[in-house]
PDB file of all heavy atoms in Angstrom:
ATOM      1  N   VAL A   1      -0.093   0.492  -8.367  1.00  0.00           N
ATOM      2  CA  VAL A   1      -0.580   1.677  -7.694  1.00  0.00           C
ATOM      3  C   VAL A   1       0.398   2.031  -6.581  1.00  0.00           C
ATOM      4  O   VAL A   1       1.110   1.149  -6.047  1.00  0.00           O
ATOM      5  CB  VAL A   1      -2.004   1.409  -7.112  1.00  0.00           C
ATOM      6  CG1 VAL A   1      -1.994   0.318  -6.041  1.00  0.00           C
ATOM      7  CG2 VAL A   1      -2.631   2.674  -6.560  1.00  0.00           C
ATOM      8  N   ARG A   2       0.470   3.327  -6.265  1.00  0.00           N
ATOM      9  CA  ARG A   2       1.313   3.779  -5.137  1.00  0.00           C
ATOM     10  C   ARG A   2       0.471   4.646  -4.233  1.00  0.00           C
ATOM     11  O   ARG A   2      -0.277   5.506  -4.691  1.00  0.00           O
ATOM     12  CB  ARG A   2       2.562   4.526  -5.641  1.00  0.00           C
ATOM     13  CG  ARG A   2       3.512   3.651  -6.407  1.00  0.00           C
ATOM     14  CD  ARG A   2       4.872   4.341  -6.628  1.00  0.00           C
ATOM     15  NE  ARG A   2       4.834   5.368  -7.649  1.00  0.00           N
ATOM     16  CZ  ARG A   2       5.340   6.610  -7.519  1.00  0.00           C
ATOM     17  NH1 ARG A   2       5.870   6.991  -6.336  1.00  0.00           N
ATOM     18  NH2 ARG A   2       5.263   7.484  -8.491  1.00  0.00           N
ATOM     19  N   PHE A   3       0.658   4.427  -2.896  1.00  0.00           N
ATOM     20  CA  PHE A   3      -0.165   5.153  -1.889  1.00  0.00           C
ATOM     21  C   PHE A   3       0.716   6.067  -1.075  1.00  0.00           C
ATOM     22  O   PHE A   3       1.900   5.778  -0.830  1.00  0.00           O
ATOM     23  CB  PHE A   3      -0.810   4.115  -0.947  1.00  0.00           C
ATOM     24  CG  PHE A   3      -1.967   3.349  -1.539  1.00  0.00           C
ATOM     25  CD1 PHE A   3      -2.459   2.219  -0.871  1.00  0.00           C
ATOM     26  CD2 PHE A   3      -2.554   3.692  -2.730  1.00  0.00           C
ATOM     27  CE1 PHE A   3      -3.504   1.503  -1.374  1.00  0.00           C
ATOM     28  CE2 PHE A   3      -3.631   2.991  -3.250  1.00  0.00           C
ATOM     29  CZ  PHE A   3      -4.093   1.886  -2.583  1.00  0.00           C
ATOM     30  N   PRO A   4       0.177   7.161  -0.557  1.00  0.00           N
ATOM     31  CA  PRO A   4       0.907   8.122   0.242  1.00  0.00           C
ATOM     32  C   PRO A   4       1.090   7.652   1.680  1.00  0.00           C
ATOM     33  O   PRO A   4       0.313   6.813   2.187  1.00  0.00           O
ATOM     34  CB  PRO A   4       0.043   9.384   0.193  1.00  0.00           C
ATOM     35  CG  PRO A   4      -1.356   8.855   0.050  1.00  0.00           C
ATOM     36  CD  PRO A   4      -1.230   7.638  -0.826  1.00  0.00           C
ATOM     37  N   ALA A   5       2.047   8.256   2.361  1.00  0.00           N
ATOM     38  CA  ALA A   5       2.356   7.879   3.745  1.00  0.00           C
ATOM     39  C   ALA A   5       1.450   8.646   4.721  1.00  0.00           C
ATOM     40  O   ALA A   5       1.907   9.504   5.468  1.00  0.00           O
ATOM     41  CB  ALA A   5       3.817   8.139   4.031  1.00  0.00           C
ATOM     42  N   ASP A   6       0.164   8.293   4.712  1.00  0.00           N
ATOM     43  CA  ASP A   6      -0.774   8.858   5.673  1.00  0.00           C
ATOM     44  C   ASP A   6      -1.908   7.892   5.918  1.00  0.00           C
ATOM     45  O   ASP A   6      -2.004   6.854   5.258  1.00  0.00           O
ATOM     46  CB  ASP A   6      -1.277  10.244   5.229  1.00  0.00           C
ATOM     47  CG  ASP A   6      -1.999  10.225   3.911  1.00  0.00           C
ATOM     48  OD1 ASP A   6      -2.770   9.281   3.610  1.00  0.00           O
ATOM     49  OD2 ASP A   6      -1.806  11.182   3.101  1.00  0.00           O
ATOM     50  N   ARG A   7      -2.777   8.251   6.844  1.00  0.00           N
ATOM     51  CA  ARG A   7      -3.838   7.362   7.253  1.00  0.00           C
ATOM     52  C   ARG A   7      -4.813   6.954   6.122  1.00  0.00           C
ATOM     53  O   ARG A   7      -5.464   5.937   6.143  1.00  0.00           O
ATOM     54  CB  ARG A   7      -4.611   7.954   8.425  1.00  0.00           C
ATOM     55  CG  ARG A   7      -5.724   7.084   9.022  1.00  0.00           C
ATOM     56  CD  ARG A   7      -5.223   5.746   9.501  1.00  0.00           C
ATOM     57  NE  ARG A   7      -6.285   4.829   9.862  1.00  0.00           N
ATOM     58  CZ  ARG A   7      -6.591   4.462  11.100  1.00  0.00           C
ATOM     59  NH1 ARG A   7      -5.894   4.938  12.102  1.00  0.00           N
ATOM     60  NH2 ARG A   7      -7.562   3.613  11.319  1.00  0.00           N
ATOM     61  N   SER A   8      -4.905   7.822   5.109  1.00  0.00           N
ATOM     62  CA  SER A   8      -5.814   7.540   4.010  1.00  0.00           C
ATOM     63  C   SER A   8      -5.484   6.211   3.340  1.00  0.00           C
ATOM     64  O   SER A   8      -6.391   5.539   2.793  1.00  0.00           O
ATOM     65  CB  SER A   8      -5.788   8.669   2.982  1.00  0.00           C
ATOM     66  OG  SER A   8      -4.537   8.654   2.252  1.00  0.00           O
ATOM     67  N   SER A   9      -4.218   5.810   3.368  1.00  0.00           N
ATOM     68  CA  SER A   9      -3.816   4.595   2.676  1.00  0.00           C
ATOM     69  C   SER A   9      -4.441   3.328   3.262  1.00  0.00           C
ATOM     70  O   SER A   9      -4.671   2.360   2.564  1.00  0.00           O
ATOM     71  CB  SER A   9      -2.289   4.491   2.616  1.00  0.00           C
ATOM     72  OG  SER A   9      -1.798   5.530   1.753  1.00  0.00           O
ATOM     73  N   PHE A  10      -4.631   3.351   4.588  1.00  0.00           N
ATOM     74  CA  PHE A  10      -5.327   2.206   5.208  1.00  0.00           C
ATOM     75  C   PHE A  10      -6.751   2.094   4.644  1.00  0.00           C
ATOM     76  O   PHE A  10      -7.224   0.985   4.339  1.00  0.00           O
ATOM     77  CB  PHE A  10      -5.358   2.389   6.723  1.00  0.00           C
ATOM     78  CG  PHE A  10      -5.927   1.246   7.485  1.00  0.00           C
ATOM     79  CD1 PHE A  10      -5.168   0.093   7.687  1.00  0.00           C
ATOM     80  CD2 PHE A  10      -7.218   1.284   8.016  1.00  0.00           C
ATOM     81  CE1 PHE A  10      -5.682  -0.978   8.411  1.00  0.00           C
ATOM     82  CE2 PHE A  10      -7.741   0.208   8.740  1.00  0.00           C
ATOM     83  CZ  PHE A  10      -6.971  -0.925   8.921  1.00  0.00           C
ATOM     84  N   GLU A  11      -7.413   3.245   4.493  1.00  0.00           N
ATOM     85  CA  GLU A  11      -8.732   3.234   3.896  1.00  0.00           C
ATOM     86  C   GLU A  11      -8.702   2.875   2.415  1.00  0.00           C
ATOM     87  O   GLU A  11      -9.625   2.199   1.909  1.00  0.00           O
ATOM     88  CB  GLU A  11      -9.383   4.600   4.078  1.00  0.00           C
ATOM     89  CG  GLU A  11      -9.535   5.029   5.553  1.00  0.00           C
ATOM     90  CD  GLU A  11     -10.283   4.014   6.384  1.00  0.00           C
ATOM     91  OE1 GLU A  11     -11.294   3.489   5.890  1.00  0.00           O
ATOM     92  OE2 GLU A  11      -9.894   3.793   7.547  1.00  0.00           O
ATOM     93  N   HIS A  12      -7.632   3.285   1.718  1.00  0.00           N
ATOM     94  CA  HIS A  12      -7.497   2.918   0.319  1.00  0.00           C
ATOM     95  C   HIS A  12      -7.388   1.381   0.198  1.00  0.00           C
ATOM     96  O   HIS A  12      -7.887   0.783  -0.744  1.00  0.00           O
ATOM     97  CB  HIS A  12      -6.219   3.543  -0.290  1.00  0.00           C
ATOM     98  CG  HIS A  12      -6.267   5.027  -0.353  1.00  0.00           C
ATOM     99  ND1 HIS A  12      -7.440   5.763  -0.289  1.00  0.00           N
ATOM    100  CD2 HIS A  12      -5.263   5.949  -0.505  1.00  0.00           C
ATOM    101  CE1 HIS A  12      -7.153   7.061  -0.372  1.00  0.00           C
ATOM    102  NE2 HIS A  12      -5.857   7.179  -0.520  1.00  0.00           N
ATOM    103  N   GLY A  13      -6.678   0.759   1.134  1.00  0.00           N
ATOM    104  CA  GLY A  13      -6.556  -0.703   1.125  1.00  0.00           C
ATOM    105  C   GLY A  13      -7.897  -1.368   1.293  1.00  0.00           C
ATOM    106  O   GLY A  13      -8.189  -2.382   0.618  1.00  0.00           O
ATOM    107  N   LYS A  14      -8.718  -0.811   2.165  1.00  0.00           N
ATOM    108  CA  LYS A  14     -10.063  -1.353   2.356  1.00  0.00           C
ATOM    109  C   LYS A  14     -10.923  -1.148   1.135  1.00  0.00           C
ATOM    110  O   LYS A  14     -11.715  -2.002   0.731  1.00  0.00           O
ATOM    111  CB  LYS A  14     -10.721  -0.735   3.582  1.00  0.00           C
ATOM    112  CG  LYS A  14     -10.045  -1.146   4.914  1.00  0.00           C
ATOM    113  CD  LYS A  14     -10.891  -0.870   6.115  1.00  0.00           C
ATOM    114  CE  LYS A  14     -10.997   0.618   6.403  1.00  0.00           C
ATOM    115  NZ  LYS A  14     -11.729   0.845   7.698  1.00  0.00           N
ATOM    116  N   ALA A  15     -10.747   0.019   0.466  1.00  0.00           N
ATOM    117  CA  ALA A  15     -11.469   0.271  -0.771  1.00  0.00           C
ATOM    118  C   ALA A  15     -11.056  -0.680  -1.868  1.00  0.00           C
ATOM    119  O   ALA A  15     -11.885  -1.098  -2.694  1.00  0.00           O
ATOM    120  CB  ALA A  15     -11.222   1.725  -1.220  1.00  0.00           C
ATOM    121  N   LEU A  16      -9.787  -1.065  -1.925  1.00  0.00           N
ATOM    122  CA  LEU A  16      -9.306  -2.059  -2.875  1.00  0.00           C
ATOM    123  C   LEU A  16     -10.028  -3.398  -2.661  1.00  0.00           C
ATOM    124  O   LEU A  16     -10.468  -4.036  -3.625  1.00  0.00           O
ATOM    125  CB  LEU A  16      -7.809  -2.236  -2.738  1.00  0.00           C
ATOM    126  CG  LEU A  16      -7.168  -3.383  -3.520  1.00  0.00           C
ATOM    127  CD1 LEU A  16      -7.409  -3.223  -5.019  1.00  0.00           C
ATOM    128  CD2 LEU A  16      -5.685  -3.492  -3.190  1.00  0.00           C
ATOM    129  N   ALA A  17     -10.165  -3.788  -1.412  1.00  0.00           N
ATOM    130  CA  ALA A  17     -10.860  -5.024  -1.139  1.00  0.00           C
ATOM    131  C   ALA A  17     -12.314  -4.975  -1.561  1.00  0.00           C
ATOM    132  O   ALA A  17     -12.850  -5.919  -2.140  1.00  0.00           O
ATOM    133  CB  ALA A  17     -10.786  -5.357   0.372  1.00  0.00           C
ATOM    134  N   ALA A  18     -12.939  -3.808  -1.355  1.00  0.00           N
ATOM    135  CA  ALA A  18     -14.322  -3.648  -1.768  1.00  0.00           C
ATOM    136  C   ALA A  18     -14.482  -3.667  -3.278  1.00  0.00           C
ATOM    137  O   ALA A  18     -15.406  -4.280  -3.821  1.00  0.00           O
ATOM    138  CB  ALA A  18     -14.881  -2.320  -1.202  1.00  0.00           C
ATOM    139  N   ALA A  19     -13.549  -2.998  -3.971  1.00  0.00           N
ATOM    140  CA  ALA A  19     -13.589  -3.012  -5.430  1.00  0.00           C
ATOM    141  C   ALA A  19     -13.412  -4.397  -5.993  1.00  0.00           C
ATOM    142  O   ALA A  19     -14.078  -4.797  -6.955  1.00  0.00           O
ATOM    143  CB  ALA A  19     -12.537  -2.041  -5.988  1.00  0.00           C
ATOM    144  N   ALA A  20     -12.491  -5.155  -5.423  1.00  0.00           N
ATOM    145  CA  ALA A  20     -12.236  -6.531  -5.871  1.00  0.00           C
ATOM    146  C   ALA A  20     -13.494  -7.377  -5.630  1.00  0.00           C
ATOM    147  O   ALA A  20     -13.878  -8.184  -6.491  1.00  0.00           O
ATOM    148  CB  ALA A  20     -11.038  -7.129  -5.156  1.00  0.00           C
ATOM    149  N   LYS A  21     -14.129  -7.222  -4.480  1.00  0.00           N
ATOM    150  CA  LYS A  21     -15.333  -7.956  -4.166  1.00  0.00           C
ATOM    151  C   LYS A  21     -16.472  -7.619  -5.164  1.00  0.00           C
ATOM    152  O   LYS A  21     -17.199  -8.505  -5.637  1.00  0.00           O
ATOM    153  CB  LYS A  21     -15.789  -7.691  -2.744  1.00  0.00           C
ATOM    154  CG  LYS A  21     -16.995  -8.515  -2.300  1.00  0.00           C
ATOM    155  CD  LYS A  21     -17.349  -8.236  -0.861  1.00  0.00           C
ATOM    156  CE  LYS A  21     -18.545  -9.077  -0.407  1.00  0.00           C
ATOM    157  NZ  LYS A  21     -18.914  -8.831   1.028  1.00  0.00           N
ATOM    158  N   ASP A  22     -16.604  -6.318  -5.473  1.00  0.00           N
ATOM    159  CA  ASP A  22     -17.649  -5.886  -6.429  1.00  0.00           C
ATOM    160  C   ASP A  22     -17.490  -6.569  -7.774  1.00  0.00           C
ATOM    161  O   ASP A  22     -18.478  -6.896  -8.425  1.00  0.00           O
ATOM    162  CB  ASP A  22     -17.585  -4.389  -6.617  1.00  0.00           C
ATOM    163  CG  ASP A  22     -18.009  -3.585  -5.408  1.00  0.00           C
ATOM    164  OD1 ASP A  22     -18.640  -4.198  -4.483  1.00  0.00           O
ATOM    165  OD2 ASP A  22     -17.722  -2.396  -5.348  1.00  0.00           O
ATOM    166  N   LEU A  23     -16.242  -6.815  -8.175  1.00  0.00           N
ATOM    167  CA  LEU A  23     -15.968  -7.387  -9.475  1.00  0.00           C
ATOM    168  C   LEU A  23     -15.776  -8.908  -9.434  1.00  0.00           C
ATOM    169  O   LEU A  23     -15.583  -9.533 -10.486  1.00  0.00           O
ATOM    170  CB  LEU A  23     -14.697  -6.759 -10.062  1.00  0.00           C
ATOM    171  CG  LEU A  23     -14.774  -5.273 -10.390  1.00  0.00           C
ATOM    172  CD1 LEU A  23     -13.403  -4.743 -10.788  1.00  0.00           C
ATOM    173  CD2 LEU A  23     -15.780  -4.985 -11.495  1.00  0.00           C
ATOM    174  N   GLY A  24     -15.840  -9.496  -8.230  1.00  0.00           N
ATOM    175  CA  GLY A  24     -15.614 -10.919  -8.131  1.00  0.00           C
ATOM    176  C   GLY A  24     -14.189 -11.346  -8.369  1.00  0.00           C
ATOM    177  O   GLY A  24     -13.936 -12.466  -8.798  1.00  0.00           O
ATOM    178  N   ARG A  25     -13.257 -10.445  -8.078  1.00  0.00           N
ATOM    179  CA  ARG A  25     -11.843 -10.722  -8.304  1.00  0.00           C
ATOM    180  C   ARG A  25     -11.237 -11.440  -7.100  1.00  0.00           C
ATOM    181  O   ARG A  25     -11.510 -11.084  -5.949  1.00  0.00           O
ATOM    182  CB  ARG A  25     -11.035  -9.450  -8.511  1.00  0.00           C
ATOM    183  CG  ARG A  25     -11.247  -8.758  -9.830  1.00  0.00           C
ATOM    184  CD  ARG A  25     -10.618  -9.480 -10.998  1.00  0.00           C
ATOM    185  NE  ARG A  25     -10.575  -8.579 -12.127  1.00  0.00           N
ATOM    186  CZ  ARG A  25     -11.630  -8.316 -12.922  1.00  0.00           C
ATOM    187  NH1 ARG A  25     -12.781  -8.911 -12.704  1.00  0.00           N
ATOM    188  NH2 ARG A  25     -11.539  -7.472 -13.913  1.00  0.00           N
ATOM    189  N   ASN A  26     -10.374 -12.419  -7.379  1.00  0.00           N
ATOM    190  CA  ASN A  26      -9.533 -13.016  -6.362  1.00  0.00           C
ATOM    191  C   ASN A  26      -8.191 -12.276  -6.433  1.00  0.00           C
ATOM    192  O   ASN A  26      -7.403 -12.475  -7.386  1.00  0.00           O
ATOM    193  CB  ASN A  26      -9.340 -14.508  -6.626  1.00  0.00           C
ATOM    194  CG  ASN A  26      -8.434 -15.203  -5.619  1.00  0.00           C
ATOM    195  OD1 ASN A  26      -8.135 -14.615  -4.596  1.00  0.00           O
ATOM    196  ND2 ASN A  26      -7.973 -16.371  -5.927  1.00  0.00           N
ATOM    197  N   VAL A  27      -7.929 -11.433  -5.485  1.00  0.00           N
ATOM    198  CA  VAL A  27      -6.814 -10.494  -5.537  1.00  0.00           C
ATOM    199  C   VAL A  27      -5.784 -10.861  -4.457  1.00  0.00           C
ATOM    200  O   VAL A  27      -6.141 -11.203  -3.331  1.00  0.00           O
ATOM    201  CB  VAL A  27      -7.302  -9.050  -5.309  1.00  0.00           C
ATOM    202  CG1 VAL A  27      -6.159  -8.105  -5.064  1.00  0.00           C
ATOM    203  CG2 VAL A  27      -8.088  -8.591  -6.521  1.00  0.00           C
ATOM    204  N   ALA A  28      -4.506 -10.776  -4.833  1.00  0.00           N
ATOM    205  CA  ALA A  28      -3.397 -10.887  -3.877  1.00  0.00           C
ATOM    206  C   ALA A  28      -2.619  -9.560  -3.880  1.00  0.00           C
ATOM    207  O   ALA A  28      -2.391  -8.988  -4.930  1.00  0.00           O
ATOM    208  CB  ALA A  28      -2.449 -12.012  -4.280  1.00  0.00           C
ATOM    209  N   VAL A  29      -2.277  -9.094  -2.710  1.00  0.00           N
ATOM    210  CA  VAL A  29      -1.671  -7.750  -2.558  1.00  0.00           C
ATOM    211  C   VAL A  29      -0.241  -7.892  -2.011  1.00  0.00           C
ATOM    212  O   VAL A  29       0.010  -8.612  -1.054  1.00  0.00           O
ATOM    213  CB  VAL A  29      -2.512  -6.884  -1.602  1.00  0.00           C
ATOM    214  CG1 VAL A  29      -1.769  -5.623  -1.219  1.00  0.00           C
ATOM    215  CG2 VAL A  29      -3.829  -6.523  -2.269  1.00  0.00           C
ATOM    216  N   LEU A  30       0.649  -7.150  -2.633  1.00  0.00           N
ATOM    217  CA  LEU A  30       2.029  -7.088  -2.203  1.00  0.00           C
ATOM    218  C   LEU A  30       2.407  -5.635  -1.969  1.00  0.00           C
ATOM    219  O   LEU A  30       2.537  -4.832  -2.892  1.00  0.00           O
ATOM    220  CB  LEU A  30       2.958  -7.698  -3.276  1.00  0.00           C
ATOM    221  CG  LEU A  30       4.424  -7.900  -2.901  1.00  0.00           C
ATOM    222  CD1 LEU A  30       4.564  -8.848  -1.699  1.00  0.00           C
ATOM    223  CD2 LEU A  30       5.207  -8.459  -4.091  1.00  0.00           C
ATOM    224  N   GLY A  31       2.516  -5.254  -0.672  1.00  0.00           N
ATOM    225  CA  GLY A  31       2.983  -3.908  -0.313  1.00  0.00           C
ATOM    226  C   GLY A  31       4.483  -3.805  -0.408  1.00  0.00           C
ATOM    227  O   GLY A  31       5.176  -4.827  -0.183  1.00  0.00           O
ATOM    228  N   SER A  32       5.020  -2.649  -0.662  1.00  0.00           N
ATOM    229  CA  SER A  32       6.430  -2.488  -0.960  1.00  0.00           C
ATOM    230  C   SER A  32       7.077  -1.389  -0.167  1.00  0.00           C
ATOM    231  O   SER A  32       6.728  -0.226  -0.307  1.00  0.00           O
ATOM    232  CB  SER A  32       6.559  -2.189  -2.483  1.00  0.00           C
ATOM    233  OG  SER A  32       7.885  -1.840  -2.840  1.00  0.00           O
ATOM    234  N   THR A  33       8.051  -1.771   0.707  1.00  0.00           N
ATOM    235  CA  THR A  33       8.812  -0.752   1.449  1.00  0.00           C
ATOM    236  C   THR A  33      10.174  -1.294   1.822  1.00  0.00           C
ATOM    237  O   THR A  33      10.349  -2.519   2.062  1.00  0.00           O
ATOM    238  CB  THR A  33       8.076  -0.314   2.725  1.00  0.00           C
ATOM    239  OG1 THR A  33       8.726   0.851   3.257  1.00  0.00           O
ATOM    240  CG2 THR A  33       8.071  -1.406   3.802  1.00  0.00           C
ATOM    241  N   ASP A  34      11.146  -0.407   1.876  1.00  0.00           N
ATOM    242  CA  ASP A  34      12.399  -0.690   2.595  1.00  0.00           C
ATOM    243  C   ASP A  34      12.318  -0.039   3.974  1.00  0.00           C
ATOM    244  O   ASP A  34      11.427   0.783   4.233  1.00  0.00           O
ATOM    245  CB  ASP A  34      13.590  -0.116   1.831  1.00  0.00           C
ATOM    246  CG  ASP A  34      13.875  -0.865   0.527  1.00  0.00           C
ATOM    247  OD1 ASP A  34      13.395  -2.009   0.394  1.00  0.00           O
ATOM    248  OD2 ASP A  34      14.562  -0.299  -0.343  1.00  0.00           O
ATOM    249  N   LEU A  35      13.250  -0.392   4.852  1.00  0.00           N
ATOM    250  CA  LEU A  35      13.191   0.119   6.213  1.00  0.00           C
ATOM    251  C   LEU A  35      14.228   1.247   6.367  1.00  0.00           C
ATOM    252  O   LEU A  35      14.400   2.046   5.465  1.00  0.00           O
ATOM    253  CB  LEU A  35      13.401  -1.002   7.221  1.00  0.00           C
ATOM    254  CG  LEU A  35      12.369  -2.168   7.106  1.00  0.00           C
ATOM    255  CD1 LEU A  35      12.518  -3.113   8.286  1.00  0.00           C
ATOM    256  CD2 LEU A  35      10.964  -1.711   6.957  1.00  0.00           C
ATOM    257  N   THR A  36      14.913   1.335   7.486  1.00  0.00           N
ATOM    258  CA  THR A  36      15.809   2.456   7.787  1.00  0.00           C
ATOM    259  C   THR A  36      16.888   2.630   6.724  1.00  0.00           C
ATOM    260  O   THR A  36      17.566   1.658   6.366  1.00  0.00           O
ATOM    261  CB  THR A  36      16.454   2.265   9.141  1.00  0.00           C
ATOM    262  OG1 THR A  36      15.442   2.091  10.149  1.00  0.00           O
ATOM    263  CG2 THR A  36      17.294   3.501   9.499  1.00  0.00           C
ATOM    264  N   HIS A  37      17.031   3.832   6.251  1.00  0.00           N
ATOM    265  CA  HIS A  37      18.144   4.211   5.346  1.00  0.00           C
ATOM    266  C   HIS A  37      19.158   4.974   6.217  1.00  0.00           C
ATOM    267  O   HIS A  37      18.917   6.126   6.576  1.00  0.00           O
ATOM    268  CB  HIS A  37      17.670   5.107   4.227  1.00  0.00           C
ATOM    269  CG  HIS A  37      16.816   4.407   3.207  1.00  0.00           C
ATOM    270  ND1 HIS A  37      15.676   3.704   3.541  1.00  0.00           N
ATOM    271  CD2 HIS A  37      16.951   4.277   1.865  1.00  0.00           C
ATOM    272  CE1 HIS A  37      15.131   3.203   2.433  1.00  0.00           C
ATOM    273  NE2 HIS A  37      15.872   3.531   1.407  1.00  0.00           N
ATOM    274  N   TYR A  38      20.225   4.294   6.566  1.00  0.00           N
ATOM    275  CA  TYR A  38      21.163   4.853   7.564  1.00  0.00           C
ATOM    276  C   TYR A  38      22.489   5.223   6.896  1.00  0.00           C
ATOM    277  O   TYR A  38      23.019   4.467   6.083  1.00  0.00           O
ATOM    278  CB  TYR A  38      21.426   3.828   8.673  1.00  0.00           C
ATOM    279  CG  TYR A  38      22.153   4.409   9.868  1.00  0.00           C
ATOM    280  CD1 TYR A  38      21.464   4.824  10.991  1.00  0.00           C
ATOM    281  CD2 TYR A  38      23.540   4.631   9.832  1.00  0.00           C
ATOM    282  CE1 TYR A  38      22.117   5.393  12.093  1.00  0.00           C
ATOM    283  CE2 TYR A  38      24.203   5.203  10.889  1.00  0.00           C
ATOM    284  CZ  TYR A  38      23.496   5.578  12.028  1.00  0.00           C
ATOM    285  OH  TYR A  38      24.145   6.156  13.063  1.00  0.00           O
ATOM    286  N   GLY A  39      23.052   6.361   7.312  1.00  0.00           N
ATOM    287  CA  GLY A  39      24.399   6.728   6.889  1.00  0.00           C
ATOM    288  C   GLY A  39      24.470   8.092   6.193  1.00  0.00           C
ATOM    289  O   GLY A  39      23.447   8.733   5.982  1.00  0.00           O
ATOM    290  N   GLN A  40      25.654   8.488   5.871  1.00  0.00           N
ATOM    291  CA  GLN A  40      25.865   9.786   5.278  1.00  0.00           C
ATOM    292  C   GLN A  40      25.170   9.939   3.939  1.00  0.00           C
ATOM    293  O   GLN A  40      24.742  11.035   3.572  1.00  0.00           O
ATOM    294  CB  GLN A  40      27.349  10.065   5.171  1.00  0.00           C
ATOM    295  CG  GLN A  40      28.063  10.139   6.521  1.00  0.00           C
ATOM    296  CD  GLN A  40      29.555  10.407   6.399  1.00  0.00           C
ATOM    297  OE1 GLN A  40      30.076  10.444   5.306  1.00  0.00           O
ATOM    298  NE2 GLN A  40      30.223  10.579   7.535  1.00  0.00           N
ATOM    299  N   ASN A  41      25.055   8.859   3.184  1.00  0.00           N
ATOM    300  CA  ASN A  41      24.364   8.922   1.901  1.00  0.00           C
ATOM    301  C   ASN A  41      22.925   9.362   2.058  1.00  0.00           C
ATOM    302  O   ASN A  41      22.329   9.903   1.092  1.00  0.00           O
ATOM    303  CB  ASN A  41      24.403   7.572   1.185  1.00  0.00           C
ATOM    304  CG  ASN A  41      25.777   7.220   0.679  1.00  0.00           C
ATOM    305  OD1 ASN A  41      26.697   8.037   0.686  1.00  0.00           O
ATOM    306  ND2 ASN A  41      25.944   6.020   0.228  1.00  0.00           N
ATOM    307  N   PHE A  42      22.345   9.114   3.229  1.00  0.00           N
ATOM    308  CA  PHE A  42      20.928   9.396   3.451  1.00  0.00           C
ATOM    309  C   PHE A  42      20.715  10.535   4.450  1.00  0.00           C
ATOM    310  O   PHE A  42      19.554  10.857   4.768  1.00  0.00           O
ATOM    311  CB  PHE A  42      20.211   8.122   3.954  1.00  0.00           C
ATOM    312  CG  PHE A  42      20.466   6.937   3.094  1.00  0.00           C
ATOM    313  CD1 PHE A  42      21.162   5.831   3.567  1.00  0.00           C
ATOM    314  CD2 PHE A  42      19.994   6.897   1.790  1.00  0.00           C
ATOM    315  CE1 PHE A  42      21.399   4.710   2.778  1.00  0.00           C
ATOM    316  CE2 PHE A  42      20.235   5.788   0.980  1.00  0.00           C
ATOM    317  CZ  PHE A  42      20.927   4.698   1.465  1.00  0.00           C
ATOM    318  N   GLY A  43      21.795  11.099   4.964  1.00  0.00           N
ATOM    319  CA  GLY A  43      21.674  12.209   5.913  1.00  0.00           C
ATOM    320  C   GLY A  43      21.042  11.790   7.202  1.00  0.00           C
ATOM    321  O   GLY A  43      20.367  12.599   7.880  1.00  0.00           O
TER     322      GLY A  43
END
């Protein structure tokens, strides 16, 4: 799944926990980001 860069994603994460609990799932979450993209290639 991919989430947008806004406050809704924090709530989406909480909804994921609720969905996993509803189903009795033991879930591990790995969020994915790089940090600053610096230089002329990135403007």
